Amino acid sequence: MAEVRAWALAADGIFINIRLTPKGGRDAIEGVDMLADGRAVVKARVRAAPSEGEANTALIRLLSRALKVAPRDVNLVAGATARLKRIKVAGDGAALAAALEKIITAARSTA
């Protein structure tokens, strides 16, 4: 069985499915989780509250730091008011996927 990924390559970057926990006590990417419907998501948490887009802004900052891209390259595509979000990160999709895989592997080893 092929490994299920929470991200997909695009022509000009990568799309990431994320389950965000606002007011999570810290800013972190915690690994990959499977939803009840079988979709894979990257688990992330931020300290910011989910009011007035603060949690979304914190998530964009977290991803830009983790993937070493400018915040302007990280865009919220869907889920502005939901826990499940779809993010597009512009850049070299293969390099971004490799970086995300490293982050996920590191998160698994510390869990």
N, C-alpha and C. Protein backbone atom coordinates (compact mmCIF):
# COMPACT_ATOMS: atom_id res chain seq x y z
N MET A 1 0.84 -1.19 0.00
CA MET A 1 0.00 0.00 0.00
C MET A 1 0.88 1.25 0.00
N ALA A 2 0.58 2.19 -0.85
CA ALA A 2 1.36 3.43 -0.93
C ALA A 2 1.10 4.29 0.29
N GLU A 3 2.14 5.01 0.68
CA GLU A 3 2.00 5.90 1.83
C GLU A 3 1.13 7.10 1.45
N VAL A 4 0.19 7.43 2.31
CA VAL A 4 -0.71 8.55 2.06
C VAL A 4 -0.02 9.83 2.51
N ARG A 5 -0.04 10.84 1.67
CA ARG A 5 0.59 12.12 1.97
C ARG A 5 -0.47 13.18 2.21
N ALA A 6 -0.15 14.14 3.04
CA ALA A 6 -1.05 15.24 3.34
C ALA A 6 -0.76 16.44 2.43
N TRP A 7 0.06 16.22 1.42
CA TRP A 7 0.40 17.31 0.51
C TRP A 7 0.46 16.77 -0.91
N ALA A 8 0.36 17.69 -1.85
CA ALA A 8 0.41 17.34 -3.27
C ALA A 8 1.24 18.38 -4.01
N LEU A 9 2.04 17.92 -4.94
CA LEU A 9 2.85 18.83 -5.74
C LEU A 9 1.98 19.57 -6.74
N ALA A 10 2.33 20.83 -6.97
CA ALA A 10 1.68 21.65 -7.99
C ALA A 10 2.77 22.12 -8.94
N ALA A 11 2.37 22.69 -10.05
CA ALA A 11 3.35 23.16 -11.04
C ALA A 11 4.29 24.22 -10.45
N ASP A 12 3.77 25.02 -9.54
CA ASP A 12 4.56 26.13 -9.00
C ASP A 12 4.65 26.09 -7.47
N GLY A 13 4.59 24.90 -6.88
CA GLY A 13 4.70 24.81 -5.43
C GLY A 13 4.12 23.52 -4.89
N ILE A 14 3.47 23.63 -3.75
CA ILE A 14 2.91 22.47 -3.07
C ILE A 14 1.63 22.88 -2.34
N PHE A 15 0.65 22.00 -2.33
CA PHE A 15 -0.57 22.19 -1.55
C PHE A 15 -0.47 21.30 -0.32
N ILE A 16 -0.83 21.85 0.84
CA ILE A 16 -0.76 21.10 2.09
C ILE A 16 -2.13 21.15 2.76
N ASN A 17 -2.63 19.99 3.17
CA ASN A 17 -3.86 19.91 3.96
C ASN A 17 -3.46 19.91 5.43
N ILE A 18 -4.04 20.83 6.20
CA ILE A 18 -3.63 21.03 7.59
C ILE A 18 -4.84 20.99 8.51
N ARG A 19 -4.64 20.38 9.67
CA ARG A 19 -5.62 20.48 10.76
C ARG A 19 -4.96 21.35 11.83
N LEU A 20 -5.50 22.54 12.02
CA LEU A 20 -4.91 23.53 12.92
C LEU A 20 -5.62 23.53 14.27
N THR A 21 -4.82 23.55 15.32
CA THR A 21 -5.34 23.71 16.67
C THR A 21 -4.91 25.09 17.17
N PRO A 22 -5.84 26.07 17.21
CA PRO A 22 -5.50 27.38 17.76
C PRO A 22 -5.45 27.31 19.28
N LYS A 23 -4.82 28.30 19.89
CA LYS A 23 -4.66 28.34 21.35
C LYS A 23 -4.06 27.03 21.85
N GLY A 24 -3.07 26.52 21.09
CA GLY A 24 -2.47 25.23 21.38
C GLY A 24 -1.30 25.27 22.32
N GLY A 25 -0.98 26.42 22.88
CA GLY A 25 0.10 26.52 23.85
C GLY A 25 1.48 26.73 23.27
N ARG A 26 1.67 26.38 22.01
CA ARG A 26 2.96 26.58 21.35
C ARG A 26 2.74 26.54 19.84
N ASP A 27 3.72 27.00 19.10
CA ASP A 27 3.66 26.95 17.64
C ASP A 27 4.49 25.75 17.20
N ALA A 28 3.83 24.76 16.56
CA ALA A 28 4.55 23.55 16.17
C ALA A 28 3.81 22.78 15.09
N ILE A 29 4.59 22.08 14.31
CA ILE A 29 4.06 21.09 13.37
C ILE A 29 4.29 19.75 14.04
N GLU A 30 3.21 18.97 14.18
CA GLU A 30 3.28 17.78 15.03
C GLU A 30 3.20 16.45 14.29
N GLY A 31 3.17 16.45 13.00
CA GLY A 31 3.12 15.19 12.27
C GLY A 31 1.94 15.12 11.35
N VAL A 32 1.62 13.90 10.94
CA VAL A 32 0.51 13.65 10.03
C VAL A 32 -0.53 12.81 10.74
N ASP A 33 -1.80 13.09 10.48
CA ASP A 33 -2.90 12.36 11.08
C ASP A 33 -3.89 11.99 9.97
N MET A 34 -4.65 10.94 10.20
CA MET A 34 -5.69 10.52 9.26
C MET A 34 -7.04 10.95 9.81
N LEU A 35 -7.85 11.56 8.96
CA LEU A 35 -9.21 11.93 9.34
C LEU A 35 -10.12 10.71 9.19
N ALA A 36 -11.31 10.78 9.75
CA ALA A 36 -12.26 9.68 9.68
C ALA A 36 -12.61 9.31 8.24
N ASP A 37 -12.57 10.29 7.34
CA ASP A 37 -12.91 10.02 5.94
C ASP A 37 -11.72 9.50 5.12
N GLY A 38 -10.59 9.27 5.78
CA GLY A 38 -9.42 8.71 5.10
C GLY A 38 -8.43 9.71 4.56
N ARG A 39 -8.72 10.99 4.67
CA ARG A 39 -7.78 12.01 4.20
C ARG A 39 -6.66 12.19 5.21
N ALA A 40 -5.47 12.45 4.71
CA ALA A 40 -4.33 12.74 5.57
C ALA A 40 -4.19 14.25 5.73
N VAL A 41 -3.83 14.68 6.94
CA VAL A 41 -3.61 16.10 7.22
C VAL A 41 -2.35 16.25 8.06
N VAL A 42 -1.69 17.38 7.88
CA VAL A 42 -0.58 17.74 8.75
C VAL A 42 -1.18 18.38 9.99
N LYS A 43 -0.78 17.89 11.17
CA LYS A 43 -1.27 18.46 12.42
C LYS A 43 -0.36 19.62 12.80
N ALA A 44 -0.97 20.78 13.07
CA ALA A 44 -0.22 21.96 13.48
C ALA A 44 -0.97 22.63 14.62
N ARG A 45 -0.23 23.30 15.47
CA ARG A 45 -0.85 24.08 16.54
C ARG A 45 -0.14 25.42 16.64
N VAL A 46 -0.91 26.42 17.03
CA VAL A 46 -0.36 27.77 17.23
C VAL A 46 -0.89 28.33 18.54
N ARG A 47 -0.16 29.27 19.11
CA ARG A 47 -0.57 29.91 20.36
C ARG A 47 -1.72 30.88 20.14
N ALA A 48 -1.81 31.44 18.96
CA ALA A 48 -2.79 32.50 18.67
C ALA A 48 -4.22 31.99 18.76
N ALA A 49 -5.10 32.91 19.11
CA ALA A 49 -6.53 32.62 19.18
C ALA A 49 -7.12 32.64 17.77
N PRO A 50 -8.25 31.96 17.57
CA PRO A 50 -8.85 31.91 16.23
C PRO A 50 -9.70 33.13 15.89
N SER A 51 -9.44 34.24 16.51
CA SER A 51 -10.26 35.43 16.24
C SER A 51 -9.52 36.38 15.30
N GLU A 52 -10.27 36.98 14.41
CA GLU A 52 -9.78 37.99 13.48
C GLU A 52 -8.58 37.52 12.66
N GLY A 53 -8.53 36.22 12.36
CA GLY A 53 -7.47 35.69 11.50
C GLY A 53 -6.13 35.53 12.16
N GLU A 54 -6.05 35.72 13.48
CA GLU A 54 -4.76 35.63 14.16
C GLU A 54 -4.14 34.24 14.04
N ALA A 55 -4.95 33.19 14.19
CA ALA A 55 -4.42 31.83 14.09
C ALA A 55 -3.94 31.54 12.66
N ASN A 56 -4.66 32.03 11.67
CA ASN A 56 -4.24 31.84 10.28
C ASN A 56 -2.91 32.53 10.02
N THR A 57 -2.76 33.73 10.52
CA THR A 57 -1.51 34.48 10.36
C THR A 57 -0.37 33.75 11.05
N ALA A 58 -0.63 33.23 12.25
CA ALA A 58 0.40 32.48 12.98
C ALA A 58 0.78 31.21 12.22
N LEU A 59 -0.20 30.54 11.61
CA LEU A 59 0.08 29.34 10.84
C LEU A 59 0.96 29.67 9.63
N ILE A 60 0.66 30.75 8.95
CA ILE A 60 1.47 31.17 7.80
C ILE A 60 2.90 31.46 8.23
N ARG A 61 3.07 32.15 9.36
CA ARG A 61 4.42 32.42 9.88
C ARG A 61 5.13 31.11 10.22
N LEU A 62 4.42 30.19 10.87
CA LEU A 62 5.01 28.91 11.25
C LEU A 62 5.48 28.14 10.01
N LEU A 63 4.64 28.04 9.01
CA LEU A 63 5.02 27.32 7.80
C LEU A 63 6.15 28.01 7.05
N SER A 64 6.13 29.32 7.00
CA SER A 64 7.20 30.03 6.28
C SER A 64 8.55 29.82 6.97
N ARG A 65 8.56 29.82 8.30
CA ARG A 65 9.81 29.56 9.02
C ARG A 65 10.26 28.11 8.83
N ALA A 66 9.32 27.18 8.95
CA ALA A 66 9.67 25.76 8.87
C ALA A 66 10.17 25.38 7.47
N LEU A 67 9.55 25.94 6.44
CA LEU A 67 9.91 25.60 5.06
C LEU A 67 10.94 26.56 4.47
N LYS A 68 11.34 27.57 5.25
CA LYS A 68 12.34 28.55 4.82
C LYS A 68 11.95 29.26 3.53
N VAL A 69 10.71 29.78 3.53
CA VAL A 69 10.21 30.59 2.43
C VAL A 69 9.68 31.90 3.02
N ALA A 70 9.48 32.88 2.17
CA ALA A 70 8.92 34.15 2.62
C ALA A 70 7.44 33.96 2.94
N PRO A 71 6.93 34.67 3.96
CA PRO A 71 5.50 34.56 4.28
C PRO A 71 4.59 34.85 3.09
N ARG A 72 5.02 35.70 2.17
CA ARG A 72 4.19 36.02 1.00
C ARG A 72 4.03 34.80 0.07
N ASP A 73 4.89 33.79 0.22
CA ASP A 73 4.81 32.58 -0.60
C ASP A 73 3.86 31.54 -0.01
N VAL A 74 3.32 31.80 1.18
CA VAL A 74 2.41 30.88 1.85
C VAL A 74 1.02 31.50 1.82
N ASN A 75 0.08 30.82 1.16
CA ASN A 75 -1.27 31.38 0.99
C ASN A 75 -2.33 30.40 1.47
N LEU A 76 -3.30 30.92 2.21
CA LEU A 76 -4.45 30.14 2.65
C LEU A 76 -5.42 30.05 1.48
N VAL A 77 -5.65 28.84 0.98
CA VAL A 77 -6.50 28.62 -0.17
C VAL A 77 -7.94 28.34 0.26
N ALA A 78 -8.09 27.56 1.34
CA ALA A 78 -9.43 27.19 1.81
C ALA A 78 -9.38 26.96 3.32
N GLY A 79 -10.52 27.21 3.97
CA GLY A 79 -10.64 26.93 5.40
C GLY A 79 -10.33 28.10 6.31
N ALA A 80 -10.58 29.31 5.88
CA ALA A 80 -10.24 30.49 6.67
C ALA A 80 -10.86 30.46 8.06
N THR A 81 -12.07 29.90 8.19
CA THR A 81 -12.74 29.89 9.50
C THR A 81 -12.90 28.46 10.04
N ALA A 82 -12.22 27.50 9.44
CA ALA A 82 -12.34 26.10 9.87
C ALA A 82 -11.01 25.59 10.40
N ARG A 83 -11.05 24.48 11.11
CA ARG A 83 -9.81 23.86 11.58
C ARG A 83 -9.04 23.21 10.44
N LEU A 84 -9.77 22.67 9.46
CA LEU A 84 -9.14 22.04 8.30
C LEU A 84 -8.85 23.11 7.27
N LYS A 85 -7.61 23.21 6.86
CA LYS A 85 -7.17 24.27 5.96
C LYS A 85 -6.40 23.67 4.79
N ARG A 86 -6.43 24.38 3.69
CA ARG A 86 -5.61 24.01 2.52
C ARG A 86 -4.71 25.20 2.25
N ILE A 87 -3.43 24.94 2.27
CA ILE A 87 -2.41 25.97 2.11
C ILE A 87 -1.64 25.69 0.83
N LYS A 88 -1.31 26.74 0.09
CA LYS A 88 -0.42 26.61 -1.06
C LYS A 88 0.87 27.35 -0.74
N VAL A 89 1.97 26.65 -0.92
CA VAL A 89 3.29 27.26 -0.73
C VAL A 89 3.95 27.32 -2.10
N ALA A 90 4.29 28.52 -2.52
CA ALA A 90 4.92 28.73 -3.83
C ALA A 90 6.41 28.42 -3.74
N GLY A 91 6.93 27.84 -4.80
CA GLY A 91 8.36 27.52 -4.86
C GLY A 91 8.58 26.21 -5.58
N ASP A 92 9.74 25.62 -5.37
CA ASP A 92 10.10 24.34 -5.95
C ASP A 92 9.36 23.24 -5.19
N GLY A 93 8.34 22.67 -5.81
CA GLY A 93 7.49 21.70 -5.14
C GLY A 93 8.24 20.51 -4.57
N ALA A 94 9.19 19.97 -5.33
CA ALA A 94 9.95 18.81 -4.86
C ALA A 94 10.79 19.15 -3.63
N ALA A 95 11.42 20.32 -3.64
CA ALA A 95 12.23 20.74 -2.50
C ALA A 95 11.35 21.00 -1.28
N LEU A 96 10.19 21.62 -1.50
CA LEU A 96 9.27 21.88 -0.39
C LEU A 96 8.74 20.58 0.19
N ALA A 97 8.42 19.60 -0.67
CA ALA A 97 7.94 18.30 -0.20
C ALA A 97 9.02 17.59 0.62
N ALA A 98 10.27 17.67 0.16
CA ALA A 98 11.37 17.05 0.90
C ALA A 98 11.56 17.72 2.26
N ALA A 99 11.46 19.03 2.30
CA ALA A 99 11.59 19.76 3.57
C ALA A 99 10.45 19.40 4.51
N LEU A 100 9.25 19.31 3.99
CA LEU A 100 8.09 18.95 4.81
C LEU A 100 8.23 17.53 5.34
N GLU A 101 8.73 16.63 4.51
CA GLU A 101 8.96 15.24 4.94
C GLU A 101 9.95 15.20 6.11
N LYS A 102 11.00 16.01 6.03
CA LYS A 102 11.99 16.07 7.13
C LYS A 102 11.34 16.58 8.42
N ILE A 103 10.50 17.62 8.30
CA ILE A 103 9.82 18.19 9.46
C ILE A 103 8.91 17.15 10.09
N ILE A 104 8.16 16.42 9.27
CA ILE A 104 7.24 15.39 9.76
C ILE A 104 8.00 14.26 10.43
N THR A 105 9.10 13.84 9.82
CA THR A 105 9.93 12.77 10.41
C THR A 105 10.49 13.20 11.75
N ALA A 106 10.94 14.44 11.85
CA ALA A 106 11.46 14.96 13.12
C ALA A 106 10.36 15.02 14.17
N ALA A 107 9.17 15.41 13.76
CA ALA A 107 8.04 15.49 14.69
C ALA A 107 7.66 14.11 15.21
N ARG A 108 7.73 13.10 14.34
CA ARG A 108 7.43 11.72 14.75
C ARG A 108 8.43 11.21 15.77
N SER A 109 9.71 11.57 15.57
CA SER A 109 10.75 11.04 16.46
C SER A 109 10.71 11.70 17.84
N THR A 110 10.12 12.88 17.95
CA THR A 110 10.03 13.54 19.26
C THR A 110 8.72 13.24 19.97
N ALA A 111 7.79 12.62 19.26
CA ALA A 111 6.48 12.33 19.86
C ALA A 111 6.53 11.13 20.78
